[in-house]
């Protein structure tokens, strides 16, 4: 039986990471990313929007220094009221 560490992919830090951030309001989504990423060097590029325009997606690319930093940013994005989902 494998333990949890054997199932996780190995990530060497620092590394380039892309968060896909999804929300209903594009402007609110951009503000959420700017608020959370302030002071961190990052690039934001638009991704897809749903067919009816109800959902929008941004790619947020940055170098993360460690797993705790990567997970903390994920949680901050996920908990923001303008964000529906983070991948």
PDB file of N, CA and C in Angstrom:
ATOM      1  N   UNK A   1       0.844  -1.180   0.000  1.00  0.00           N
ATOM      2  CA  UNK A   1       0.000   0.000   0.000  1.00  0.00           C
ATOM      3  C   UNK A   1       0.889   1.243   0.000  1.00  0.00           C
ATOM      4  N   UNK A   2       0.609   2.208  -0.907  1.00  0.00           N
ATOM      5  CA  UNK A   2       1.406   3.428  -1.004  1.00  0.00           C
ATOM      6  C   UNK A   2       0.984   4.419   0.067  1.00  0.00           C
ATOM      7  N   UNK A   3       1.986   5.148   0.584  1.00  0.00           N
ATOM      8  CA  UNK A   3       1.628   6.225   1.502  1.00  0.00           C
ATOM      9  C   UNK A   3       1.360   7.491   0.698  1.00  0.00           C
ATOM     10  N   UNK A   4       0.859   8.512   1.357  1.00  0.00           N
ATOM     11  CA  UNK A   4       0.439   9.746   0.671  1.00  0.00           C
ATOM     12  C   UNK A   4       1.588  10.416  -0.074  1.00  0.00           C
ATOM     13  N   UNK A   5       2.806  10.407   0.503  1.00  0.00           N
ATOM     14  CA  UNK A   5       3.954  11.052  -0.124  1.00  0.00           C
ATOM     15  C   UNK A   5       4.348  10.382  -1.442  1.00  0.00           C
ATOM     16  N   UNK A   6       4.116   9.077  -1.560  1.00  0.00           N
ATOM     17  CA  UNK A   6       4.459   8.367  -2.786  1.00  0.00           C
ATOM     18  C   UNK A   6       3.484   8.679  -3.914  1.00  0.00           C
ATOM     19  N   UNK A   7       2.278   9.140  -3.586  1.00  0.00           N
ATOM     20  CA  UNK A   7       1.263   9.451  -4.591  1.00  0.00           C
ATOM     21  C   UNK A   7       1.382  10.878  -5.119  1.00  0.00           C
ATOM     22  N   UNK A   8       2.016  11.766  -4.353  1.00  0.00           N
ATOM     23  CA  UNK A   8       2.130  13.165  -4.749  1.00  0.00           C
ATOM     24  C   UNK A   8       3.219  13.320  -5.802  1.00  0.00           C
ATOM     25  N   UNK A   9       2.984  14.156  -6.820  1.00  0.00           N
ATOM     26  CA  UNK A   9       4.045  14.409  -7.792  1.00  0.00           C
ATOM     27  C   UNK A   9       5.180  15.197  -7.135  1.00  0.00           C
ATOM     28  N   UNK A  10       6.375  14.989  -7.585  1.00  0.00           N
ATOM     29  CA  UNK A  10       7.522  15.724  -7.042  1.00  0.00           C
ATOM     30  C   UNK A  10       7.601  17.079  -7.733  1.00  0.00           C
ATOM     31  N   UNK A  11       7.645  18.136  -6.943  1.00  0.00           N
ATOM     32  CA  UNK A  11       7.774  19.490  -7.474  1.00  0.00           C
ATOM     33  C   UNK A  11       9.048  20.083  -6.884  1.00  0.00           C
ATOM     34  N   UNK A  12       9.951  20.515  -7.752  1.00  0.00           N
ATOM     35  CA  UNK A  12      11.192  21.142  -7.306  1.00  0.00           C
ATOM     36  C   UNK A  12      10.982  22.655  -7.259  1.00  0.00           C
ATOM     37  N   UNK A  13      11.238  23.231  -6.088  1.00  0.00           N
ATOM     38  CA  UNK A  13      11.055  24.668  -5.887  1.00  0.00           C
ATOM     39  C   UNK A  13      12.406  25.358  -5.881  1.00  0.00           C
ATOM     40  N   UNK A  14      12.419  26.642  -6.293  1.00  0.00           N
ATOM     41  CA  UNK A  14      11.324  27.436  -6.832  1.00  0.00           C
ATOM     42  C   UNK A  14      10.938  26.930  -8.219  1.00  0.00           C
ATOM     43  N   UNK A  15       9.677  27.165  -8.584  1.00  0.00           N
ATOM     44  CA  UNK A  15       9.201  26.738  -9.896  1.00  0.00           C
ATOM     45  C   UNK A  15       8.130  27.695 -10.413  1.00  0.00           C
ATOM     46  N   UNK A  16       7.972  27.668 -11.714  1.00  0.00           N
ATOM     47  CA  UNK A  16       6.930  28.457 -12.358  1.00  0.00           C
ATOM     48  C   UNK A  16       5.604  27.741 -12.140  1.00  0.00           C
ATOM     49  N   UNK A  17       4.572  28.475 -11.701  1.00  0.00           N
ATOM     50  CA  UNK A  17       3.271  27.880 -11.405  1.00  0.00           C
ATOM     51  C   UNK A  17       2.179  28.712 -12.042  1.00  0.00           C
ATOM     52  N   UNK A  18       1.150  28.061 -12.542  1.00  0.00           N
ATOM     53  CA  UNK A  18       0.003  28.763 -13.131  1.00  0.00           C
ATOM     54  C   UNK A  18      -1.246  28.380 -12.360  1.00  0.00           C
ATOM     55  N   UNK A  19      -1.927  29.391 -11.835  1.00  0.00           N
ATOM     56  CA  UNK A  19      -3.243  29.207 -11.216  1.00  0.00           C
ATOM     57  C   UNK A  19      -4.280  29.594 -12.254  1.00  0.00           C
ATOM     58  N   UNK A  20      -5.304  28.782 -12.430  1.00  0.00           N
ATOM     59  CA  UNK A  20      -6.444  29.142 -13.273  1.00  0.00           C
ATOM     60  C   UNK A  20      -7.523  29.619 -12.309  1.00  0.00           C
ATOM     61  N   UNK A  21      -7.883  30.885 -12.426  1.00  0.00           N
ATOM     62  CA  UNK A  21      -8.819  31.514 -11.495  1.00  0.00           C
ATOM     63  C   UNK A  21     -10.110  31.809 -12.253  1.00  0.00           C
ATOM     64  N   UNK A  22     -11.229  31.299 -11.747  1.00  0.00           N
ATOM     65  CA  UNK A  22     -12.513  31.392 -12.436  1.00  0.00           C
ATOM     66  C   UNK A  22     -13.500  32.168 -11.585  1.00  0.00           C
ATOM     67  N   UNK A  23     -14.242  33.068 -12.241  1.00  0.00           N
ATOM     68  CA  UNK A  23     -15.260  33.851 -11.549  1.00  0.00           C
ATOM     69  C   UNK A  23     -16.329  34.329 -12.511  1.00  0.00           C
ATOM     70  N   UNK A  24     -17.356  34.954 -11.954  1.00  0.00           N
ATOM     71  CA  UNK A  24     -18.479  35.431 -12.769  1.00  0.00           C
ATOM     72  C   UNK A  24     -18.254  36.836 -13.335  1.00  0.00           C
ATOM     73  N   UNK A  25     -17.571  37.687 -12.573  1.00  0.00           N
ATOM     74  CA  UNK A  25     -17.357  39.079 -12.969  1.00  0.00           C
ATOM     75  C   UNK A  25     -15.879  39.282 -13.283  1.00  0.00           C
ATOM     76  N   UNK A  26     -15.570  39.589 -14.532  1.00  0.00           N
ATOM     77  CA  UNK A  26     -14.179  39.694 -14.964  1.00  0.00           C
ATOM     78  C   UNK A  26     -13.446  40.805 -14.213  1.00  0.00           C
ATOM     79  N   UNK A  27     -14.078  41.943 -14.039  1.00  0.00           N
ATOM     80  CA  UNK A  27     -13.433  43.050 -13.332  1.00  0.00           C
ATOM     81  C   UNK A  27     -13.156  42.674 -11.872  1.00  0.00           C
ATOM     82  N   UNK A  28     -14.124  42.047 -11.224  1.00  0.00           N
ATOM     83  CA  UNK A  28     -13.938  41.601  -9.845  1.00  0.00           C
ATOM     84  C   UNK A  28     -12.846  40.559  -9.734  1.00  0.00           C
ATOM     85  N   UNK A  29     -12.758  39.697 -10.722  1.00  0.00           N
ATOM     86  CA  UNK A  29     -11.725  38.666 -10.757  1.00  0.00           C
ATOM     87  C   UNK A  29     -10.337  39.299 -10.874  1.00  0.00           C
ATOM     88  N   UNK A  30     -10.211  40.289 -11.750  1.00  0.00           N
ATOM     89  CA  UNK A  30      -8.935  41.000 -11.914  1.00  0.00           C
ATOM     90  C   UNK A  30      -8.537  41.708 -10.618  1.00  0.00           C
ATOM     91  N   UNK A  31      -9.508  42.330  -9.960  1.00  0.00           N
ATOM     92  CA  UNK A  31      -9.239  43.022  -8.690  1.00  0.00           C
ATOM     93  C   UNK A  31      -8.812  42.030  -7.613  1.00  0.00           C
ATOM     94  N   UNK A  32      -9.451  40.867  -7.562  1.00  0.00           N
ATOM     95  CA  UNK A  32      -9.105  39.836  -6.575  1.00  0.00           C
ATOM     96  C   UNK A  32      -7.661  39.384  -6.766  1.00  0.00           C
ATOM     97  N   UNK A  33      -7.276  39.128  -8.001  1.00  0.00           N
ATOM     98  CA  UNK A  33      -5.911  38.684  -8.289  1.00  0.00           C
ATOM     99  C   UNK A  33      -4.918  39.780  -7.910  1.00  0.00           C
ATOM    100  N   UNK A  34      -5.203  41.025  -8.288  1.00  0.00           N
ATOM    101  CA  UNK A  34      -4.305  42.136  -7.966  1.00  0.00           C
ATOM    102  C   UNK A  34      -4.154  42.293  -6.454  1.00  0.00           C
ATOM    103  N   UNK A  35      -5.249  42.163  -5.737  1.00  0.00           N
ATOM    104  CA  UNK A  35      -5.237  42.301  -4.273  1.00  0.00           C
ATOM    105  C   UNK A  35      -4.383  41.215  -3.615  1.00  0.00           C
ATOM    106  N   UNK A  36      -4.562  39.994  -4.040  1.00  0.00           N
ATOM    107  CA  UNK A  36      -3.861  38.870  -3.417  1.00  0.00           C
ATOM    108  C   UNK A  36      -2.398  38.796  -3.855  1.00  0.00           C
ATOM    109  N   UNK A  37      -2.114  39.143  -5.082  1.00  0.00           N
ATOM    110  CA  UNK A  37      -0.758  39.023  -5.605  1.00  0.00           C
ATOM    111  C   UNK A  37       0.070  40.295  -5.431  1.00  0.00           C
ATOM    112  N   UNK A  38      -0.474  41.320  -4.780  1.00  0.00           N
ATOM    113  CA  UNK A  38       0.267  42.580  -4.643  1.00  0.00           C
ATOM    114  C   UNK A  38       1.642  42.335  -4.047  1.00  0.00           C
ATOM    115  N   UNK A  39       2.636  42.967  -4.645  1.00  0.00           N
ATOM    116  CA  UNK A  39       4.004  42.802  -4.171  1.00  0.00           C
ATOM    117  C   UNK A  39       4.714  41.584  -4.738  1.00  0.00           C
ATOM    118  N   UNK A  40       3.997  40.694  -5.396  1.00  0.00           N
ATOM    119  CA  UNK A  40       4.601  39.506  -6.009  1.00  0.00           C
ATOM    120  C   UNK A  40       4.653  39.692  -7.515  1.00  0.00           C
ATOM    121  N   UNK A  41       5.783  39.345  -8.102  1.00  0.00           N
ATOM    122  CA  UNK A  41       5.899  39.425  -9.547  1.00  0.00           C
ATOM    123  C   UNK A  41       5.057  38.309 -10.155  1.00  0.00           C
ATOM    124  N   UNK A  42       4.123  38.686 -11.025  1.00  0.00           N
ATOM    125  CA  UNK A  42       3.230  37.707 -11.641  1.00  0.00           C
ATOM    126  C   UNK A  42       2.742  38.241 -12.981  1.00  0.00           C
ATOM    127  N   UNK A  43       2.207  37.358 -13.787  1.00  0.00           N
ATOM    128  CA  UNK A  43       1.630  37.729 -15.082  1.00  0.00           C
ATOM    129  C   UNK A  43       0.208  37.186 -15.133  1.00  0.00           C
ATOM    130  N   UNK A  44      -0.713  38.039 -15.587  1.00  0.00           N
ATOM    131  CA  UNK A  44      -2.112  37.635 -15.721  1.00  0.00           C
ATOM    132  C   UNK A  44      -2.482  37.678 -17.191  1.00  0.00           C
ATOM    133  N   UNK A  45      -3.012  36.568 -17.680  1.00  0.00           N
ATOM    134  CA  UNK A  45      -3.479  36.522 -19.064  1.00  0.00           C
ATOM    135  C   UNK A  45      -4.903  35.988 -19.081  1.00  0.00           C
ATOM    136  N   UNK A  46      -5.735  36.563 -19.933  1.00  0.00           N
ATOM    137  CA  UNK A  46      -7.107  36.049 -20.020  1.00  0.00           C
ATOM    138  C   UNK A  46      -7.101  34.650 -20.608  1.00  0.00           C
ATOM    139  N   UNK A  47      -7.995  33.832 -20.114  1.00  0.00           N
ATOM    140  CA  UNK A  47      -8.174  32.500 -20.654  1.00  0.00           C
ATOM    141  C   UNK A  47      -9.552  32.492 -21.304  1.00  0.00           C
ATOM    142  N   UNK A  48     -10.283  31.445 -21.138  1.00  0.00           N
ATOM    143  CA  UNK A  48     -11.579  31.331 -21.807  1.00  0.00           C
ATOM    144  C   UNK A  48     -12.695  31.907 -20.958  1.00  0.00           C
ATOM    145  N   UNK A  49     -13.767  32.270 -21.639  1.00  0.00           N
ATOM    146  CA  UNK A  49     -15.019  32.624 -20.974  1.00  0.00           C
ATOM    147  C   UNK A  49     -16.043  31.598 -21.413  1.00  0.00           C
ATOM    148  N   UNK A  50     -17.053  31.397 -20.575  1.00  0.00           N
ATOM    149  CA  UNK A  50     -18.086  30.437 -20.954  1.00  0.00           C
ATOM    150  C   UNK A  50     -18.857  30.967 -22.165  1.00  0.00           C
ATOM    151  N   UNK A  51     -19.535  30.083 -22.846  1.00  0.00           N
ATOM    152  CA  UNK A  51     -20.242  30.430 -24.077  1.00  0.00           C
ATOM    153  C   UNK A  51     -21.187  31.613 -23.880  1.00  0.00           C
ATOM    154  N   UNK A  52     -21.910  31.623 -22.783  1.00  0.00           N
ATOM    155  CA  UNK A  52     -22.847  32.710 -22.518  1.00  0.00           C
ATOM    156  C   UNK A  52     -22.231  33.890 -21.786  1.00  0.00           C
ATOM    157  N   UNK A  53     -20.944  33.790 -21.452  1.00  0.00           N
ATOM    158  CA  UNK A  53     -20.258  34.870 -20.762  1.00  0.00           C
ATOM    159  C   UNK A  53     -20.524  34.920 -19.267  1.00  0.00           C
ATOM    160  N   UNK A  54     -21.098  33.855 -18.714  1.00  0.00           N
ATOM    161  CA  UNK A  54     -21.408  33.840 -17.278  1.00  0.00           C
ATOM    162  C   UNK A  54     -20.154  33.623 -16.427  1.00  0.00           C
ATOM    163  N   UNK A  55     -19.146  32.948 -16.982  1.00  0.00           N
ATOM    164  CA  UNK A  55     -17.917  32.667 -16.244  1.00  0.00           C
ATOM    165  C   UNK A  55     -16.719  33.111 -17.058  1.00  0.00           C
ATOM    166  N   UNK A  56     -15.702  33.604 -16.344  1.00  0.00           N
ATOM    167  CA  UNK A  56     -14.458  34.048 -16.965  1.00  0.00           C
ATOM    168  C   UNK A  56     -13.292  33.380 -16.256  1.00  0.00           C
ATOM    169  N   UNK A  57     -12.209  33.201 -16.990  1.00  0.00           N
ATOM    170  CA  UNK A  57     -11.036  32.528 -16.429  1.00  0.00           C
ATOM    171  C   UNK A  57      -9.785  33.361 -16.725  1.00  0.00           C
ATOM    172  N   UNK A  58      -8.940  33.495 -15.707  1.00  0.00           N
ATOM    173  CA  UNK A  58      -7.648  34.153 -15.864  1.00  0.00           C
ATOM    174  C   UNK A  58      -6.555  33.154 -15.512  1.00  0.00           C
ATOM    175  N   UNK A  59      -5.447  33.218 -16.249  1.00  0.00           N
ATOM    176  CA  UNK A  59      -4.254  32.460 -15.889  1.00  0.00           C
ATOM    177  C   UNK A  59      -3.339  33.403 -15.127  1.00  0.00           C
ATOM    178  N   UNK A  60      -2.931  32.992 -13.940  1.00  0.00           N
ATOM    179  CA  UNK A  60      -2.020  33.782 -13.122  1.00  0.00           C
ATOM    180  C   UNK A  60      -0.732  32.974 -13.006  1.00  0.00           C
ATOM    181  N   UNK A  61       0.328  33.484 -13.616  1.00  0.00           N
ATOM    182  CA  UNK A  61       1.600  32.762 -13.684  1.00  0.00           C
ATOM    183  C   UNK A  61       2.633  33.480 -12.820  1.00  0.00           C
ATOM    184  N   UNK A  62       3.334  32.707 -12.003  1.00  0.00           N
ATOM    185  CA  UNK A  62       4.360  33.288 -11.148  1.00  0.00           C
ATOM    186  C   UNK A  62       5.336  32.207 -10.699  1.00  0.00           C
ATOM    187  N   UNK A  63       6.455  32.629 -10.168  1.00  0.00           N
ATOM    188  CA  UNK A  63       7.402  31.696  -9.571  1.00  0.00           C
ATOM    189  C   UNK A  63       7.063  31.571  -8.094  1.00  0.00           C
ATOM    190  N   UNK A  64       6.850  30.344  -7.641  1.00  0.00           N
ATOM    191  CA  UNK A  64       6.585  30.099  -6.220  1.00  0.00           C
ATOM    192  C   UNK A  64       7.844  29.502  -5.600  1.00  0.00           C
ATOM    193  N   UNK A  65       8.132  29.946  -4.390  1.00  0.00           N
ATOM    194  CA  UNK A  65       9.366  29.565  -3.713  1.00  0.00           C
ATOM    195  C   UNK A  65       9.281  28.234  -2.980  1.00  0.00           C
ATOM    196  N   UNK A  66       8.065  27.854  -2.565  1.00  0.00           N
ATOM    197  CA  UNK A  66       7.929  26.636  -1.770  1.00  0.00           C
ATOM    198  C   UNK A  66       6.481  26.154  -1.812  1.00  0.00           C
ATOM    199  N   UNK A  67       6.268  24.925  -1.362  1.00  0.00           N
ATOM    200  CA  UNK A  67       4.914  24.382  -1.307  1.00  0.00           C
ATOM    201  C   UNK A  67       4.010  25.178  -0.367  1.00  0.00           C
ATOM    202  N   UNK A  68       4.476  25.584   0.826  1.00  0.00           N
ATOM    203  CA  UNK A  68       3.605  26.383   1.691  1.00  0.00           C
ATOM    204  C   UNK A  68       3.167  27.701   1.038  1.00  0.00           C
ATOM    205  N   UNK A  69       4.058  28.334   0.295  1.00  0.00           N
ATOM    206  CA  UNK A  69       3.706  29.578  -0.412  1.00  0.00           C
ATOM    207  C   UNK A  69       2.673  29.278  -1.492  1.00  0.00           C
ATOM    208  N   UNK A  70       2.903  28.230  -2.262  1.00  0.00           N
ATOM    209  CA  UNK A  70       1.976  27.855  -3.344  1.00  0.00           C
ATOM    210  C   UNK A  70       0.583  27.571  -2.795  1.00  0.00           C
ATOM    211  N   UNK A  71       0.518  26.805  -1.713  1.00  0.00           N
ATOM    212  CA  UNK A  71      -0.773  26.452  -1.130  1.00  0.00           C
ATOM    213  C   UNK A  71      -1.453  27.650  -0.466  1.00  0.00           C
ATOM    214  N   UNK A  72      -0.676  28.532   0.154  1.00  0.00           N
ATOM    215  CA  UNK A  72      -1.254  29.724   0.785  1.00  0.00           C
ATOM    216  C   UNK A  72      -1.893  30.637  -0.257  1.00  0.00           C
ATOM    217  N   UNK A  73      -1.224  30.829  -1.383  1.00  0.00           N
ATOM    218  CA  UNK A  73      -1.797  31.655  -2.453  1.00  0.00           C
ATOM    219  C   UNK A  73      -3.065  31.015  -3.009  1.00  0.00           C
ATOM    220  N   UNK A  74      -3.034  29.702  -3.177  1.00  0.00           N
ATOM    221  CA  UNK A  74      -4.220  28.979  -3.648  1.00  0.00           C
ATOM    222  C   UNK A  74      -5.402  29.228  -2.705  1.00  0.00           C
ATOM    223  N   UNK A  75      -5.165  29.101  -1.405  1.00  0.00           N
ATOM    224  CA  UNK A  75      -6.237  29.290  -0.422  1.00  0.00           C
ATOM    225  C   UNK A  75      -6.755  30.720  -0.420  1.00  0.00           C
ATOM    226  N   UNK A  76      -5.863  31.693  -0.521  1.00  0.00           N
ATOM    227  CA  UNK A  76      -6.288  33.096  -0.555  1.00  0.00           C
ATOM    228  C   UNK A  76      -7.163  33.369  -1.773  1.00  0.00           C
ATOM    229  N   UNK A  77      -6.742  32.845  -2.918  1.00  0.00           N
ATOM    230  CA  UNK A  77      -7.545  33.019  -4.136  1.00  0.00           C
ATOM    231  C   UNK A  77      -8.894  32.320  -3.987  1.00  0.00           C
ATOM    232  N   UNK A  78      -8.864  31.093  -3.499  1.00  0.00           N
ATOM    233  CA  UNK A  78     -10.092  30.297  -3.377  1.00  0.00           C
ATOM    234  C   UNK A  78     -11.107  30.947  -2.455  1.00  0.00           C
ATOM    235  N   UNK A  79     -10.654  31.587  -1.418  1.00  0.00           N
ATOM    236  CA  UNK A  79     -11.555  32.181  -0.429  1.00  0.00           C
ATOM    237  C   UNK A  79     -12.057  33.570  -0.782  1.00  0.00           C
ATOM    238  N   UNK A  80     -11.503  34.178  -1.828  1.00  0.00           N
ATOM    239  CA  UNK A  80     -11.941  35.519  -2.200  1.00  0.00           C
ATOM    240  C   UNK A  80     -13.370  35.472  -2.726  1.00  0.00           C
ATOM    241  N   UNK A  81     -14.223  36.411  -2.320  1.00  0.00           N
ATOM    242  CA  UNK A  81     -15.629  36.381  -2.737  1.00  0.00           C
ATOM    243  C   UNK A  81     -15.857  36.476  -4.251  1.00  0.00           C
ATOM    244  N   UNK A  82     -14.915  37.057  -4.986  1.00  0.00           N
ATOM    245  CA  UNK A  82     -15.082  37.183  -6.446  1.00  0.00           C
ATOM    246  C   UNK A  82     -14.669  35.926  -7.194  1.00  0.00           C
ATOM    247  N   UNK A  83     -14.068  34.980  -6.489  1.00  0.00           N
ATOM    248  CA  UNK A  83     -13.554  33.762  -7.136  1.00  0.00           C
ATOM    249  C   UNK A  83     -14.499  32.602  -6.889  1.00  0.00           C
ATOM    250  N   UNK A  84     -14.866  31.922  -7.972  1.00  0.00           N
ATOM    251  CA  UNK A  84     -15.728  30.740  -7.879  1.00  0.00           C
ATOM    252  C   UNK A  84     -14.891  29.472  -7.712  1.00  0.00           C
ATOM    253  N   UNK A  85     -13.751  29.407  -8.444  1.00  0.00           N
ATOM    254  CA  UNK A  85     -12.927  28.198  -8.436  1.00  0.00           C
ATOM    255  C   UNK A  85     -11.483  28.547  -8.802  1.00  0.00           C
ATOM    256  N   UNK A  86     -10.541  27.779  -8.246  1.00  0.00           N
ATOM    257  CA  UNK A  86      -9.128  27.909  -8.591  1.00  0.00           C
ATOM    258  C   UNK A  86      -8.616  26.522  -8.945  1.00  0.00           C
ATOM    259  N   UNK A  87      -7.881  26.434 -10.025  1.00  0.00           N
ATOM    260  CA  UNK A  87      -7.258  25.157 -10.406  1.00  0.00           C
ATOM    261  C   UNK A  87      -5.770  25.383 -10.555  1.00  0.00           C
TER     262      UNK A  87
END
